[in-house]
Amino acid sequence: MPTAIEQRLDSLLHELNGIKKEMILQKVQQVKAKVGKISAWKSLSGRISARWDHISAVDEIRKQRDRI
């Protein structure tokens, strides 16, 4: 029969494993959120690029400065 100390250690190990699983799940959720945001930015970038009127960035900046 396990002693009280062994039972406490088993209990602590069980709790630590549970905490470790929670930490891993939280990291996975954070990664999923970041991947979703990156995907949204890439999608937005693609839509903006599709609308771009093929003027170089330098010319676009020059044009904007001339307006001011």
N, C-alpha and C. Protein backbone atom coordinates (compact mmCIF):
# COMPACT_ATOMS: atom_id res chain seq x y z
N MET A 1 0.86 -1.18 0.00
CA MET A 1 0.00 0.00 0.00
C MET A 1 0.90 1.24 0.00
N PRO A 2 0.59 2.20 -0.90
CA PRO A 2 1.43 3.39 -0.97
C PRO A 2 1.32 4.24 0.30
N THR A 3 2.41 4.86 0.61
CA THR A 3 2.42 5.71 1.79
C THR A 3 1.78 7.05 1.46
N ALA A 4 1.57 7.84 2.47
CA ALA A 4 0.93 9.15 2.29
C ALA A 4 1.78 10.03 1.38
N ILE A 5 3.10 9.95 1.54
CA ILE A 5 3.99 10.77 0.70
C ILE A 5 3.88 10.33 -0.75
N GLU A 6 3.85 9.03 -1.00
CA GLU A 6 3.71 8.53 -2.37
C GLU A 6 2.39 8.97 -2.98
N GLN A 7 1.34 8.94 -2.18
CA GLN A 7 0.03 9.38 -2.67
C GLN A 7 0.05 10.86 -3.02
N ARG A 8 0.70 11.66 -2.16
CA ARG A 8 0.80 13.09 -2.43
C ARG A 8 1.60 13.34 -3.71
N LEU A 9 2.71 12.62 -3.86
CA LEU A 9 3.51 12.76 -5.06
C LEU A 9 2.73 12.38 -6.31
N ASP A 10 1.99 11.28 -6.23
CA ASP A 10 1.15 10.88 -7.36
C ASP A 10 0.12 11.95 -7.68
N SER A 11 -0.46 12.51 -6.64
CA SER A 11 -1.46 13.56 -6.83
C SER A 11 -0.82 14.79 -7.48
N LEU A 12 0.36 15.17 -6.99
CA LEU A 12 1.06 16.32 -7.56
C LEU A 12 1.45 16.08 -9.01
N LEU A 13 1.93 14.88 -9.32
CA LEU A 13 2.29 14.54 -10.69
C LEU A 13 1.06 14.62 -11.61
N HIS A 14 -0.06 14.12 -11.09
CA HIS A 14 -1.30 14.18 -11.87
C HIS A 14 -1.68 15.64 -12.14
N GLU A 15 -1.59 16.48 -11.12
CA GLU A 15 -1.91 17.90 -11.30
C GLU A 15 -0.94 18.57 -12.26
N LEU A 16 0.34 18.27 -12.14
CA LEU A 16 1.33 18.85 -13.04
C LEU A 16 1.08 18.45 -14.49
N ASN A 17 0.72 17.20 -14.70
CA ASN A 17 0.39 16.75 -16.06
C ASN A 17 -0.82 17.49 -16.60
N GLY A 18 -1.80 17.71 -15.74
CA GLY A 18 -2.99 18.47 -16.15
C GLY A 18 -2.63 19.90 -16.52
N ILE A 19 -1.78 20.52 -15.70
CA ILE A 19 -1.34 21.89 -15.98
C ILE A 19 -0.56 21.94 -17.29
N LYS A 20 0.30 20.96 -17.49
CA LYS A 20 1.09 20.90 -18.72
C LYS A 20 0.18 20.80 -19.95
N LYS A 21 -0.85 19.97 -19.85
CA LYS A 21 -1.80 19.83 -20.97
C LYS A 21 -2.50 21.15 -21.23
N GLU A 22 -2.90 21.86 -20.17
CA GLU A 22 -3.58 23.15 -20.34
C GLU A 22 -2.66 24.17 -21.01
N MET A 23 -1.39 24.17 -20.60
CA MET A 23 -0.44 25.10 -21.21
C MET A 23 -0.27 24.81 -22.70
N ILE A 24 -0.20 23.55 -23.04
CA ILE A 24 -0.06 23.18 -24.45
C ILE A 24 -1.30 23.60 -25.23
N LEU A 25 -2.48 23.38 -24.67
CA LEU A 25 -3.72 23.78 -25.35
C LEU A 25 -3.77 25.29 -25.55
N GLN A 26 -3.34 26.04 -24.54
CA GLN A 26 -3.34 27.50 -24.67
C GLN A 26 -2.38 27.95 -25.77
N LYS A 27 -1.21 27.31 -25.84
CA LYS A 27 -0.25 27.66 -26.90
C LYS A 27 -0.83 27.34 -28.27
N VAL A 28 -1.51 26.21 -28.38
CA VAL A 28 -2.12 25.83 -29.66
C VAL A 28 -3.16 26.87 -30.07
N GLN A 29 -3.95 27.32 -29.11
CA GLN A 29 -4.97 28.32 -29.41
C GLN A 29 -4.34 29.63 -29.85
N GLN A 30 -3.23 30.01 -29.20
CA GLN A 30 -2.53 31.24 -29.59
C GLN A 30 -1.98 31.13 -30.99
N VAL A 31 -1.43 29.97 -31.31
CA VAL A 31 -0.87 29.75 -32.65
C VAL A 31 -1.99 29.81 -33.69
N LYS A 32 -3.11 29.19 -33.39
CA LYS A 32 -4.24 29.23 -34.33
C LYS A 32 -4.69 30.66 -34.56
N ALA A 33 -4.76 31.45 -33.51
CA ALA A 33 -5.17 32.85 -33.65
C ALA A 33 -4.18 33.61 -34.50
N LYS A 34 -2.89 33.39 -34.27
CA LYS A 34 -1.87 34.09 -35.05
C LYS A 34 -1.91 33.68 -36.51
N VAL A 35 -2.09 32.40 -36.75
CA VAL A 35 -2.17 31.91 -38.13
C VAL A 35 -3.38 32.52 -38.83
N GLY A 36 -4.48 32.62 -38.10
CA GLY A 36 -5.68 33.25 -38.68
C GLY A 36 -5.44 34.70 -39.05
N LYS A 37 -4.75 35.43 -38.17
CA LYS A 37 -4.46 36.84 -38.45
C LYS A 37 -3.51 36.97 -39.63
N ILE A 38 -2.50 36.12 -39.67
CA ILE A 38 -1.56 36.16 -40.80
C ILE A 38 -2.28 35.86 -42.10
N SER A 39 -3.17 34.89 -42.06
CA SER A 39 -3.94 34.53 -43.25
C SER A 39 -4.81 35.70 -43.70
N ALA A 40 -5.42 36.39 -42.75
CA ALA A 40 -6.26 37.53 -43.09
C ALA A 40 -5.43 38.64 -43.72
N TRP A 41 -4.24 38.89 -43.17
CA TRP A 41 -3.37 39.92 -43.75
C TRP A 41 -2.94 39.54 -45.16
N LYS A 42 -2.61 38.28 -45.37
CA LYS A 42 -2.20 37.84 -46.71
C LYS A 42 -3.35 37.99 -47.70
N SER A 43 -4.54 37.66 -47.25
CA SER A 43 -5.71 37.81 -48.11
C SER A 43 -5.93 39.28 -48.48
N LEU A 44 -5.83 40.13 -47.48
CA LEU A 44 -5.99 41.57 -47.71
C LEU A 44 -4.91 42.08 -48.66
N SER A 45 -3.70 41.62 -48.45
CA SER A 45 -2.59 42.01 -49.32
C SER A 45 -2.88 41.60 -50.76
N GLY A 46 -3.39 40.41 -50.94
CA GLY A 46 -3.73 39.94 -52.28
C GLY A 46 -4.81 40.78 -52.94
N ARG A 47 -5.82 41.15 -52.17
CA ARG A 47 -6.89 41.98 -52.73
C ARG A 47 -6.38 43.37 -53.10
N ILE A 48 -5.53 43.92 -52.25
CA ILE A 48 -4.98 45.24 -52.54
C ILE A 48 -4.07 45.17 -53.77
N SER A 49 -3.26 44.13 -53.84
CA SER A 49 -2.37 43.97 -55.00
C SER A 49 -3.17 43.82 -56.28
N ALA A 50 -4.30 43.15 -56.21
CA ALA A 50 -5.13 42.97 -57.40
C ALA A 50 -5.71 44.30 -57.87
N ARG A 51 -5.94 45.21 -56.95
CA ARG A 51 -6.48 46.52 -57.32
C ARG A 51 -5.40 47.51 -57.76
N TRP A 52 -4.16 47.18 -57.47
CA TRP A 52 -3.06 48.10 -57.73
C TRP A 52 -3.03 48.43 -59.22
N ASP A 53 -2.78 49.71 -59.53
CA ASP A 53 -2.81 50.15 -60.92
C ASP A 53 -1.44 50.09 -61.59
N HIS A 54 -0.58 49.24 -61.11
CA HIS A 54 0.72 48.94 -61.71
C HIS A 54 1.67 50.13 -61.77
N ILE A 55 1.49 51.07 -60.88
CA ILE A 55 2.44 52.17 -60.74
C ILE A 55 3.47 51.73 -59.71
N SER A 56 4.72 52.04 -59.93
CA SER A 56 5.74 51.64 -58.97
C SER A 56 5.52 52.39 -57.66
N ALA A 57 6.04 51.82 -56.59
CA ALA A 57 5.87 52.42 -55.27
C ALA A 57 6.50 53.81 -55.22
N VAL A 58 7.64 53.97 -55.86
CA VAL A 58 8.32 55.27 -55.88
C VAL A 58 7.45 56.31 -56.58
N ASP A 59 6.87 55.93 -57.71
CA ASP A 59 6.00 56.87 -58.44
C ASP A 59 4.75 57.19 -57.63
N GLU A 60 4.22 56.22 -56.95
CA GLU A 60 3.03 56.45 -56.12
C GLU A 60 3.33 57.43 -55.00
N ILE A 61 4.47 57.26 -54.35
CA ILE A 61 4.86 58.17 -53.27
C ILE A 61 5.09 59.57 -53.82
N ARG A 62 5.75 59.66 -54.95
CA ARG A 62 5.99 60.96 -55.59
C ARG A 62 4.67 61.64 -55.92
N LYS A 63 3.72 60.88 -56.44
CA LYS A 63 2.39 61.40 -56.78
C LYS A 63 1.68 61.93 -55.54
N GLN A 64 1.78 61.18 -54.44
CA GLN A 64 1.13 61.62 -53.20
C GLN A 64 1.78 62.88 -52.65
N ARG A 65 3.10 63.00 -52.77
CA ARG A 65 3.79 64.19 -52.28
C ARG A 65 3.44 65.41 -53.12
N ASP A 66 3.24 65.18 -54.42
CA ASP A 66 2.88 66.30 -55.30
C ASP A 66 1.51 66.85 -54.97
N ARG A 67 0.63 66.04 -54.44
CA ARG A 67 -0.72 66.47 -54.08
C ARG A 67 -0.71 67.39 -52.86
N ILE A 68 0.29 67.24 -52.03
CA ILE A 68 0.32 68.00 -50.77
C ILE A 68 0.78 69.40 -50.98
